[in-house]
Amino acid sequence: ERGRLIGVLEDGDLFAGQPRSWFGARRTIARA
């Protein structure tokens, strides 16, 4: 809230938490 950097999220980390979701399917389709 104070504007201090806590960390950086990477899409791959978030995809790993959604292995059977449409997010993973969308990523795979985009990479075809």
ModelCIF file with pLDDT and N, C-alpha, C, O atoms, coordinates in Angstrom:
data_MODEL
#
_entry.id   MODEL 
#
_entity.id                         1 
_entity.type                       polymer 
_entity.pdbx_number_of_molecules   1 
#
_entity_poly.entity_id                      1 
_entity_poly.type                           'polypeptide(L)' 
_entity_poly.nstd_linkage                   no 
_entity_poly.nstd_monomer                   no 
_entity_poly.pdbx_seq_one_letter_code       ERGRLIGVLEDGDLFAGQPRSWFGARRTIARA 
_entity_poly.pdbx_seq_one_letter_code_can   ERGRLIGVLEDGDLFAGQPRSWFGARRTIARA 
_entity_poly.pdbx_strand_id                 A 
#
loop_
_entity_poly_seq.entity_id 
_entity_poly_seq.num 
_entity_poly_seq.mon_id 
_entity_poly_seq.hetero 
1 1  GLU n 
1 2  ARG n 
1 3  GLY n 
1 4  ARG n 
1 5  LEU n 
1 6  ILE n 
1 7  GLY n 
1 8  VAL n 
1 9  LEU n 
1 10 GLU n 
1 11 ASP n 
1 12 GLY n 
1 13 ASP n 
1 14 LEU n 
1 15 PHE n 
1 16 ALA n 
1 17 GLY n 
1 18 GLN n 
1 19 PRO n 
1 20 ARG n 
1 21 SER n 
1 22 TRP n 
1 23 PHE n 
1 24 GLY n 
1 25 ALA n 
1 26 ARG n 
1 27 ARG n 
1 28 THR n 
1 29 ILE n 
1 30 ALA n 
1 31 ARG n 
1 32 ALA n 
#
_struct_asym.id          A 
_struct_asym.entity_id   1 
#
loop_
_ma_qa_metric.id 
_ma_qa_metric.mode 
_ma_qa_metric.name 
_ma_qa_metric.software_group_id 
_ma_qa_metric.type 
1 global pLDDT . pLDDT 
2 local  pLDDT . pLDDT 
#
_ma_qa_metric_global.metric_id      1 
_ma_qa_metric_global.metric_value   80.06 
_ma_qa_metric_global.model_id       1 
_ma_qa_metric_global.ordinal_id     1 
#
loop_
_ma_qa_metric_local.label_asym_id 
_ma_qa_metric_local.label_comp_id 
_ma_qa_metric_local.label_seq_id 
_ma_qa_metric_local.metric_id 
_ma_qa_metric_local.metric_value 
_ma_qa_metric_local.model_id 
_ma_qa_metric_local.ordinal_id 
A GLU 1  2 93.00 1 1  
A ARG 2  2 94.00 1 2  
A GLY 3  2 92.00 1 3  
A ARG 4  2 96.00 1 4  
A LEU 5  2 96.00 1 5  
A ILE 6  2 95.00 1 6  
A GLY 7  2 95.00 1 7  
A VAL 8  2 94.00 1 8  
A LEU 9  2 92.00 1 9  
A GLU 10 2 91.00 1 10 
A ASP 11 2 86.00 1 11 
A GLY 12 2 82.00 1 12 
A ASP 13 2 81.00 1 13 
A LEU 14 2 82.00 1 14 
A PHE 15 2 74.00 1 15 
A ALA 16 2 69.00 1 16 
A GLY 17 2 63.00 1 17 
A GLN 18 2 57.00 1 18 
A PRO 19 2 53.00 1 19 
A ARG 20 2 58.00 1 20 
A SER 21 2 62.00 1 21 
A TRP 22 2 68.00 1 22 
A PHE 23 2 65.00 1 23 
A GLY 24 2 69.00 1 24 
A ALA 25 2 73.00 1 25 
A ARG 26 2 77.00 1 26 
A ARG 27 2 78.00 1 27 
A THR 28 2 81.00 1 28 
A ILE 29 2 84.00 1 29 
A ALA 30 2 86.00 1 30 
A ARG 31 2 87.00 1 31 
A ALA 32 2 89.00 1 32 
#
loop_
_atom_site.group_PDB 
_atom_site.id 
_atom_site.type_symbol 
_atom_site.label_atom_id 
_atom_site.label_alt_id 
_atom_site.label_comp_id 
_atom_site.label_asym_id 
_atom_site.label_entity_id 
_atom_site.label_seq_id 
_atom_site.pdbx_PDB_ins_code 
_atom_site.Cartn_x 
_atom_site.Cartn_y 
_atom_site.Cartn_z 
_atom_site.occupancy 
_atom_site.B_iso_or_equiv 
_atom_site.pdbx_formal_charge 
_atom_site.auth_seq_id 
_atom_site.auth_comp_id 
_atom_site.auth_asym_id 
_atom_site.auth_atom_id 
_atom_site.pdbx_PDB_model_num 
ATOM 1   N N  . GLU A 1 1  ? 0.821  -1.209  0.000   1.00 93.00 ? 1  GLU A N  1 
ATOM 2   C CA . GLU A 1 1  ? 0.000  0.000   0.000   1.00 93.00 ? 1  GLU A CA 1 
ATOM 3   C C  . GLU A 1 1  ? 0.854  1.258   0.000   1.00 93.00 ? 1  GLU A C  1 
ATOM 4   O O  . GLU A 1 1  ? 0.428  2.300   -0.498  1.00 93.00 ? 1  GLU A O  1 
ATOM 5   N N  . ARG A 1 2  ? 2.039  1.168   0.547   1.00 94.00 ? 2  ARG A N  1 
ATOM 6   C CA . ARG A 1 2  ? 2.957  2.323   0.610   1.00 94.00 ? 2  ARG A CA 1 
ATOM 7   C C  . ARG A 1 2  ? 3.841  2.445   -0.626  1.00 94.00 ? 2  ARG A C  1 
ATOM 8   O O  . ARG A 1 2  ? 4.691  3.332   -0.704  1.00 94.00 ? 2  ARG A O  1 
ATOM 9   N N  . GLY A 1 3  ? 3.637  1.546   -1.593  1.00 92.00 ? 3  GLY A N  1 
ATOM 10  C CA . GLY A 1 3  ? 4.407  1.611   -2.826  1.00 92.00 ? 3  GLY A CA 1 
ATOM 11  C C  . GLY A 1 3  ? 5.731  0.887   -2.794  1.00 92.00 ? 3  GLY A C  1 
ATOM 12  O O  . GLY A 1 3  ? 6.552  1.055   -3.696  1.00 92.00 ? 3  GLY A O  1 
ATOM 13  N N  . ARG A 1 4  ? 5.952  0.082   -1.765  1.00 96.00 ? 4  ARG A N  1 
ATOM 14  C CA . ARG A 1 4  ? 7.206  -0.657  -1.631  1.00 96.00 ? 4  ARG A CA 1 
ATOM 15  C C  . ARG A 1 4  ? 7.111  -1.988  -2.391  1.00 96.00 ? 4  ARG A C  1 
ATOM 16  O O  . ARG A 1 4  ? 6.122  -2.712  -2.278  1.00 96.00 ? 4  ARG A O  1 
ATOM 17  N N  . LEU A 1 5  ? 8.148  -2.290  -3.157  1.00 96.00 ? 5  LEU A N  1 
ATOM 18  C CA . LEU A 1 5  ? 8.192  -3.532  -3.911  1.00 96.00 ? 5  LEU A CA 1 
ATOM 19  C C  . LEU A 1 5  ? 8.322  -4.717  -2.957  1.00 96.00 ? 5  LEU A C  1 
ATOM 20  O O  . LEU A 1 5  ? 9.235  -4.769  -2.132  1.00 96.00 ? 5  LEU A O  1 
ATOM 21  N N  . ILE A 1 6  ? 7.402  -5.661  -3.081  1.00 95.00 ? 6  ILE A N  1 
ATOM 22  C CA . ILE A 1 6  ? 7.420  -6.865  -2.253  1.00 95.00 ? 6  ILE A CA 1 
ATOM 23  C C  . ILE A 1 6  ? 8.032  -8.026  -3.029  1.00 95.00 ? 6  ILE A C  1 
ATOM 24  O O  . ILE A 1 6  ? 8.782  -8.828  -2.473  1.00 95.00 ? 6  ILE A O  1 
ATOM 25  N N  . GLY A 1 7  ? 7.706  -8.108  -4.311  1.00 95.00 ? 7  GLY A N  1 
ATOM 26  C CA . GLY A 1 7  ? 8.205  -9.193  -5.145  1.00 95.00 ? 7  GLY A CA 1 
ATOM 27  C C  . GLY A 1 7  ? 7.689  -9.041  -6.554  1.00 95.00 ? 7  GLY A C  1 
ATOM 28  O O  . GLY A 1 7  ? 7.077  -8.030  -6.897  1.00 95.00 ? 7  GLY A O  1 
ATOM 29  N N  . VAL A 1 8  ? 7.938  -10.049 -7.374  1.00 94.00 ? 8  VAL A N  1 
ATOM 30  C CA . VAL A 1 8  ? 7.498  -10.040 -8.764  1.00 94.00 ? 8  VAL A CA 1 
ATOM 31  C C  . VAL A 1 8  ? 6.838  -11.375 -9.067  1.00 94.00 ? 8  VAL A C  1 
ATOM 32  O O  . VAL A 1 8  ? 7.407  -12.432 -8.793  1.00 94.00 ? 8  VAL A O  1 
ATOM 33  N N  . LEU A 1 9  ? 5.640  -11.328 -9.632  1.00 92.00 ? 9  LEU A N  1 
ATOM 34  C CA . LEU A 1 9  ? 4.943  -12.538 -10.058 1.00 92.00 ? 9  LEU A CA 1 
ATOM 35  C C  . LEU A 1 9  ? 5.295  -12.842 -11.503 1.00 92.00 ? 9  LEU A C  1 
ATOM 36  O O  . LEU A 1 9  ? 5.411  -11.938 -12.330 1.00 92.00 ? 9  LEU A O  1 
ATOM 37  N N  . GLU A 1 10 ? 5.464  -14.116 -11.794 1.00 91.00 ? 10 GLU A N  1 
ATOM 38  C CA . GLU A 1 10 ? 5.699  -14.542 -13.171 1.00 91.00 ? 10 GLU A CA 1 
ATOM 39  C C  . GLU A 1 10 ? 4.506  -15.390 -13.597 1.00 91.00 ? 10 GLU A C  1 
ATOM 40  O O  . GLU A 1 10 ? 3.972  -16.163 -12.802 1.00 91.00 ? 10 GLU A O  1 
ATOM 41  N N  . ASP A 1 11 ? 4.093  -15.243 -14.845 1.00 86.00 ? 11 ASP A N  1 
ATOM 42  C CA . ASP A 1 11 ? 2.923  -15.981 -15.312 1.00 86.00 ? 11 ASP A CA 1 
ATOM 43  C C  . ASP A 1 11 ? 3.066  -17.484 -15.109 1.00 86.00 ? 11 ASP A C  1 
ATOM 44  O O  . ASP A 1 11 ? 2.088  -18.156 -14.782 1.00 86.00 ? 11 ASP A O  1 
ATOM 45  N N  . GLY A 1 12 ? 4.263  -18.019 -15.295 1.00 82.00 ? 12 GLY A N  1 
ATOM 46  C CA . GLY A 1 12 ? 4.484  -19.453 -15.115 1.00 82.00 ? 12 GLY A CA 1 
ATOM 47  C C  . GLY A 1 12 ? 4.191  -19.924 -13.700 1.00 82.00 ? 12 GLY A C  1 
ATOM 48  O O  . GLY A 1 12 ? 3.691  -21.031 -13.499 1.00 82.00 ? 12 GLY A O  1 
ATOM 49  N N  . ASP A 1 13 ? 4.502  -19.087 -12.722 1.00 81.00 ? 13 ASP A N  1 
ATOM 50  C CA . ASP A 1 13 ? 4.207  -19.433 -11.330 1.00 81.00 ? 13 ASP A CA 1 
ATOM 51  C C  . ASP A 1 13 ? 2.702  -19.480 -11.108 1.00 81.00 ? 13 ASP A C  1 
ATOM 52  O O  . ASP A 1 13 ? 2.197  -20.354 -10.404 1.00 81.00 ? 13 ASP A O  1 
ATOM 53  N N  . LEU A 1 14 ? 2.000  -18.545 -11.705 1.00 82.00 ? 14 LEU A N  1 
ATOM 54  C CA . LEU A 1 14 ? 0.544  -18.514 -11.543 1.00 82.00 ? 14 LEU A CA 1 
ATOM 55  C C  . LEU A 1 14 ? -0.119 -19.648 -12.318 1.00 82.00 ? 14 LEU A C  1 
ATOM 56  O O  . LEU A 1 14 ? -1.113 -20.211 -11.859 1.00 82.00 ? 14 LEU A O  1 
ATOM 57  N N  . PHE A 1 15 ? 0.423  -19.989 -13.493 1.00 74.00 ? 15 PHE A N  1 
ATOM 58  C CA . PHE A 1 15 ? -0.104 -21.124 -14.251 1.00 74.00 ? 15 PHE A CA 1 
ATOM 59  C C  . PHE A 1 15 ? 0.054  -22.417 -13.469 1.00 74.00 ? 15 PHE A C  1 
ATOM 60  O O  . PHE A 1 15 ? -0.822 -23.281 -13.509 1.00 74.00 ? 15 PHE A O  1 
ATOM 61  N N  . ALA A 1 16 ? 1.162  -22.554 -12.760 1.00 69.00 ? 16 ALA A N  1 
ATOM 62  C CA . ALA A 1 16 ? 1.419  -23.771 -11.995 1.00 69.00 ? 16 ALA A CA 1 
ATOM 63  C C  . ALA A 1 16 ? 0.334  -23.999 -10.944 1.00 69.00 ? 16 ALA A C  1 
ATOM 64  O O  . ALA A 1 16 ? 0.023  -25.142 -10.609 1.00 69.00 ? 16 ALA A O  1 
ATOM 65  N N  . GLY A 1 17 ? -0.228 -22.939 -10.437 1.00 63.00 ? 17 GLY A N  1 
ATOM 66  C CA . GLY A 1 17 ? -1.303 -23.048 -9.457  1.00 63.00 ? 17 GLY A CA 1 
ATOM 67  C C  . GLY A 1 17 ? -2.653 -23.320 -10.073 1.00 63.00 ? 17 GLY A C  1 
ATOM 68  O O  . GLY A 1 17 ? -3.627 -23.550 -9.355  1.00 63.00 ? 17 GLY A O  1 
ATOM 69  N N  . GLN A 1 18 ? -2.730 -23.299 -11.403 1.00 57.00 ? 18 GLN A N  1 
ATOM 70  C CA . GLN A 1 18 ? -3.982 -23.511 -12.126 1.00 57.00 ? 18 GLN A CA 1 
ATOM 71  C C  . GLN A 1 18 ? -3.818 -24.620 -13.170 1.00 57.00 ? 18 GLN A C  1 
ATOM 72  O O  . GLN A 1 18 ? -4.137 -24.398 -14.338 1.00 57.00 ? 18 GLN A O  1 
ATOM 73  N N  . PRO A 1 19 ? -3.334 -25.795 -12.790 1.00 53.00 ? 19 PRO A N  1 
ATOM 74  C CA . PRO A 1 19 ? -2.977 -26.794 -13.796 1.00 53.00 ? 19 PRO A CA 1 
ATOM 75  C C  . PRO A 1 19 ? -4.131 -27.318 -14.634 1.00 53.00 ? 19 PRO A C  1 
ATOM 76  O O  . PRO A 1 19 ? -3.910 -27.741 -15.769 1.00 53.00 ? 19 PRO A O  1 
ATOM 77  N N  . ARG A 1 20 ? -5.327 -27.307 -14.128 1.00 58.00 ? 20 ARG A N  1 
ATOM 78  C CA . ARG A 1 20 ? -6.438 -27.861 -14.896 1.00 58.00 ? 20 ARG A CA 1 
ATOM 79  C C  . ARG A 1 20 ? -7.474 -26.811 -15.244 1.00 58.00 ? 20 ARG A C  1 
ATOM 80  O O  . ARG A 1 20 ? -8.638 -27.125 -15.492 1.00 58.00 ? 20 ARG A O  1 
ATOM 81  N N  . SER A 1 21 ? -7.050 -25.594 -15.260 1.00 62.00 ? 21 SER A N  1 
ATOM 82  C CA . SER A 1 21 ? -7.984 -24.518 -15.539 1.00 62.00 ? 21 SER A CA 1 
ATOM 83  C C  . SER A 1 21 ? -7.889 -24.083 -16.994 1.00 62.00 ? 21 SER A C  1 
ATOM 84  O O  . SER A 1 21 ? -7.021 -24.545 -17.735 1.00 62.00 ? 21 SER A O  1 
ATOM 85  N N  . TRP A 1 22 ? -8.768 -23.209 -17.388 1.00 68.00 ? 22 TRP A N  1 
ATOM 86  C CA . TRP A 1 22 ? -8.729 -22.677 -18.744 1.00 68.00 ? 22 TRP A CA 1 
ATOM 87  C C  . TRP A 1 22 ? -7.525 -21.780 -18.953 1.00 68.00 ? 22 TRP A C  1 
ATOM 88  O O  . TRP A 1 22 ? -7.167 -21.501 -20.097 1.00 68.00 ? 22 TRP A O  1 
ATOM 89  N N  . PHE A 1 23 ? -6.880 -21.314 -17.873 1.00 65.00 ? 23 PHE A N  1 
ATOM 90  C CA . PHE A 1 23 ? -5.677 -20.499 -18.030 1.00 65.00 ? 23 PHE A CA 1 
ATOM 91  C C  . PHE A 1 23 ? -4.583 -21.306 -18.724 1.00 65.00 ? 23 PHE A C  1 
ATOM 92  O O  . PHE A 1 23 ? -3.941 -20.835 -19.663 1.00 65.00 ? 23 PHE A O  1 
ATOM 93  N N  . GLY A 1 24 ? -4.387 -22.517 -18.247 1.00 69.00 ? 24 GLY A N  1 
ATOM 94  C CA . GLY A 1 24 ? -3.370 -23.369 -18.855 1.00 69.00 ? 24 GLY A CA 1 
ATOM 95  C C  . GLY A 1 24 ? -3.695 -23.701 -20.300 1.00 69.00 ? 24 GLY A C  1 
ATOM 96  O O  . GLY A 1 24 ? -2.810 -23.719 -21.156 1.00 69.00 ? 24 GLY A O  1 
ATOM 97  N N  . ALA A 1 25 ? -4.954 -23.961 -20.566 1.00 73.00 ? 25 ALA A N  1 
ATOM 98  C CA . ALA A 1 25 ? -5.371 -24.250 -21.938 1.00 73.00 ? 25 ALA A CA 1 
ATOM 99  C C  . ALA A 1 25 ? -5.118 -23.047 -22.833 1.00 73.00 ? 25 ALA A C  1 
ATOM 100 O O  . ALA A 1 25 ? -4.646 -23.197 -23.960 1.00 73.00 ? 25 ALA A O  1 
ATOM 101 N N  . ARG A 1 26 ? -5.425 -21.874 -22.344 1.00 77.00 ? 26 ARG A N  1 
ATOM 102 C CA . ARG A 1 26 ? -5.219 -20.664 -23.145 1.00 77.00 ? 26 ARG A CA 1 
ATOM 103 C C  . ARG A 1 26 ? -3.736 -20.464 -23.443 1.00 77.00 ? 26 ARG A C  1 
ATOM 104 O O  . ARG A 1 26 ? -3.367 -20.105 -24.561 1.00 77.00 ? 26 ARG A O  1 
ATOM 105 N N  . ARG A 1 27 ? -2.910 -20.690 -22.472 1.00 78.00 ? 27 ARG A N  1 
ATOM 106 C CA . ARG A 1 27 ? -1.464 -20.530 -22.671 1.00 78.00 ? 27 ARG A CA 1 
ATOM 107 C C  . ARG A 1 27 ? -0.957 -21.523 -23.711 1.00 78.00 ? 27 ARG A C  1 
ATOM 108 O O  . ARG A 1 27 ? -0.174 -21.158 -24.589 1.00 78.00 ? 27 ARG A O  1 
ATOM 109 N N  . THR A 1 28 ? -1.399 -22.773 -23.617 1.00 81.00 ? 28 THR A N  1 
ATOM 110 C CA . THR A 1 28 ? -0.964 -23.796 -24.556 1.00 81.00 ? 28 THR A CA 1 
ATOM 111 C C  . THR A 1 28 ? -1.436 -23.478 -25.964 1.00 81.00 ? 28 THR A C  1 
ATOM 112 O O  . THR A 1 28 ? -0.693 -23.666 -26.927 1.00 81.00 ? 28 THR A O  1 
ATOM 113 N N  . ILE A 1 29 ? -2.655 -23.002 -26.089 1.00 84.00 ? 29 ILE A N  1 
ATOM 114 C CA . ILE A 1 29 ? -3.181 -22.609 -27.407 1.00 84.00 ? 29 ILE A CA 1 
ATOM 115 C C  . ILE A 1 29 ? -2.347 -21.470 -27.983 1.00 84.00 ? 29 ILE A C  1 
ATOM 116 O O  . ILE A 1 29 ? -1.996 -21.486 -29.163 1.00 84.00 ? 29 ILE A O  1 
ATOM 117 N N  . ALA A 1 30 ? -2.034 -20.491 -27.155 1.00 86.00 ? 30 ALA A N  1 
ATOM 118 C CA . ALA A 1 30 ? -1.263 -19.340 -27.622 1.00 86.00 ? 30 ALA A CA 1 
ATOM 119 C C  . ALA A 1 30 ? 0.136  -19.739 -28.071 1.00 86.00 ? 30 ALA A C  1 
ATOM 120 O O  . ALA A 1 30 ? 0.708  -19.103 -28.957 1.00 86.00 ? 30 ALA A O  1 
ATOM 121 N N  . ARG A 1 31 ? 0.684  -20.770 -27.478 1.00 87.00 ? 31 ARG A N  1 
ATOM 122 C CA . ARG A 1 31 ? 2.054  -21.193 -27.812 1.00 87.00 ? 31 ARG A CA 1 
ATOM 123 C C  . ARG A 1 31 ? 2.114  -22.171 -28.977 1.00 87.00 ? 31 ARG A C  1 
ATOM 124 O O  . ARG A 1 31 ? 3.204  -22.499 -29.445 1.00 87.00 ? 31 ARG A O  1 
ATOM 125 N N  . ALA A 1 32 ? 0.977  -22.639 -29.449 1.00 89.00 ? 32 ALA A N  1 
ATOM 126 C CA . ALA A 1 32 ? 0.977  -23.572 -30.577 1.00 89.00 ? 32 ALA A CA 1 
ATOM 127 C C  . ALA A 1 32 ? 1.618  -22.903 -31.792 1.00 89.00 ? 32 ALA A C  1 
ATOM 128 O O  . ALA A 1 32 ? 1.719  -23.518 -32.853 1.00 89.00 ? 32 ALA A O  1 
#
